[in-house]
C-alpha atoms as a PDB file:
ATOM      1  CA  MET A   1       1.916   4.031 -10.964  1.00  0.00           C
ATOM      2  CA  THR A   2       4.158   2.594  -8.999  1.00  0.00           C
ATOM      3  CA  GLN A   3       7.506   2.131 -11.614  1.00  0.00           C
ATOM      4  CA  VAL A   4      11.198   0.448 -11.447  1.00  0.00           C
ATOM      5  CA  VAL A   5      14.007   1.155 -13.669  1.00  0.00           C
ATOM      6  CA  LEU A   6      15.915  -1.521 -13.879  1.00  0.00           C
ATOM      7  CA  GLY A   7      20.081   0.056 -13.049  1.00  0.00           C
ATOM      8  CA  GLU A   8      22.507  -1.351 -15.916  1.00  0.00           C
ATOM      9  CA  ASN A   9      23.370  -4.128 -13.541  1.00  0.00           C
ATOM     10  CA  GLU A  10      20.802  -3.889 -11.802  1.00  0.00           C
ATOM     11  CA  GLY A  11      18.997  -8.206 -10.765  1.00  0.00           C
ATOM     12  CA  ILE A  12      15.464  -8.951 -11.683  1.00  0.00           C
ATOM     13  CA  ASP A  13      15.563  -9.499  -7.680  1.00  0.00           C
ATOM     14  CA  SER A  14      16.927  -6.658  -6.237  1.00  0.00           C
ATOM     15  CA  ALA A  15      14.319  -4.445  -8.923  1.00  0.00           C
ATOM     16  CA  LEU A  16      11.119  -7.023  -7.666  1.00  0.00           C
ATOM     17  CA  ARG A  17      12.237  -6.213  -4.036  1.00  0.00           C
ATOM     18  CA  ARG A  18      12.474  -2.470  -4.568  1.00  0.00           C
ATOM     19  CA  PHE A  19       9.037  -2.874  -6.468  1.00  0.00           C
ATOM     20  CA  LYS A  20       7.998  -4.475  -3.440  1.00  0.00           C
ATOM     21  CA  ARG A  21       9.096  -1.865  -1.283  1.00  0.00           C
ATOM     22  CA  GLN A  22       7.703   0.835  -3.277  1.00  0.00           C
ATOM     23  CA  VAL A  23       3.895  -1.065  -3.555  1.00  0.00           C
ATOM     24  CA  SER A  24       3.884  -1.467  -0.275  1.00  0.00           C
ATOM     25  CA  LYS A  25       4.365   1.928   0.802  1.00  0.00           C
ATOM     26  CA  ALA A  26       2.131   3.446  -1.407  1.00  0.00           C
ATOM     27  CA  GLY A  27      -0.655   1.245   0.335  1.00  0.00           C
ATOM     28  CA  ILE A  28      -1.691  -0.147  -3.168  1.00  0.00           C
ATOM     29  CA  LEU A  29      -2.219  -4.197  -1.725  1.00  0.00           C
ATOM     30  CA  ALA A  30      -4.478  -2.746   1.067  1.00  0.00           C
ATOM     31  CA  ASP A  31      -5.881  -0.307  -1.112  1.00  0.00           C
ATOM     32  CA  VAL A  32      -7.734  -3.443  -3.383  1.00  0.00           C
ATOM     33  CA  LYS A  33      -8.387  -5.226   0.513  1.00  0.00           C
ATOM     34  CA  PHE A  34     -10.170  -2.864   1.017  1.00  0.00           C
ATOM     35  CA  HIS A  35     -12.679  -2.282  -1.818  1.00  0.00           C
ATOM     36  CA  ARG A  36     -12.270  -6.435  -2.255  1.00  0.00           C
ATOM     37  CA  HIS A  37     -15.842  -6.697  -0.396  1.00  0.00           C
ATOM     38  CA  PHE A  38     -18.960  -4.336   0.484  1.00  0.00           C
ATOM     39  CA  GLU A  39     -18.059  -1.881   3.505  1.00  0.00           C
ATOM     40  CA  THR A  40     -20.954  -1.306   5.728  1.00  0.00           C
ATOM     41  CA  PRO A  41     -21.088   2.274   7.737  1.00  0.00           C
ATOM     42  CA  SER A  42     -19.838   0.840  10.579  1.00  0.00           C
ATOM     43  CA  GLU A  43     -16.754  -0.751   8.885  1.00  0.00           C
ATOM     44  CA  LYS A  44     -16.026   2.314   7.465  1.00  0.00           C
ATOM     45  CA  ARG A  45     -16.200   4.887   9.983  1.00  0.00           C
ATOM     46  CA  LYS A  46     -13.864   2.565  12.633  1.00  0.00           C
ATOM     47  CA  ARG A  47     -11.459   2.150   9.808  1.00  0.00           C
ATOM     48  CA  LYS A  48     -11.161   6.167   9.437  1.00  0.00           C
ATOM     49  CA  LEU A  49     -10.840   6.043  12.862  1.00  0.00           C
ATOM     50  CA  VAL A  50      -7.754   4.080  12.665  1.00  0.00           C
ATOM     51  CA  LEU A  51      -6.897   5.632  10.215  1.00  0.00           C
ATOM     52  CA  ALA A  52      -6.419   9.022  11.822  1.00  0.00           C
ATOM     53  CA  ARG A  53      -5.708   7.767  15.007  1.00  0.00           C
ATOM     54  CA  ARG A  54      -2.489   6.089  13.227  1.00  0.00           C
ATOM     55  CA  ASN A  55      -1.759   9.719  11.155  1.00  0.00           C
ATOM     56  CA  ARG A  56      -2.103  11.667  14.338  1.00  0.00           C
ATOM     57  CA  ARG A  57       0.232   9.485  15.647  1.00  0.00           C
ATOM     58  CA  PHE A  58       3.437  10.145  13.085  1.00  0.00           C
END
């Protein structure tokens, strides 16, 4: 669960920006996209290969 605690004099715009950054770092929106529809076994293999390639690079 992603949370953002507001500072004393922090504006809502900067808090929203921090929240969006944390959500994208956590990969929440990407996970929602993957689970939005049925994924065939070949799509699942392809996604895992791309993910492994990305993780190996970093």
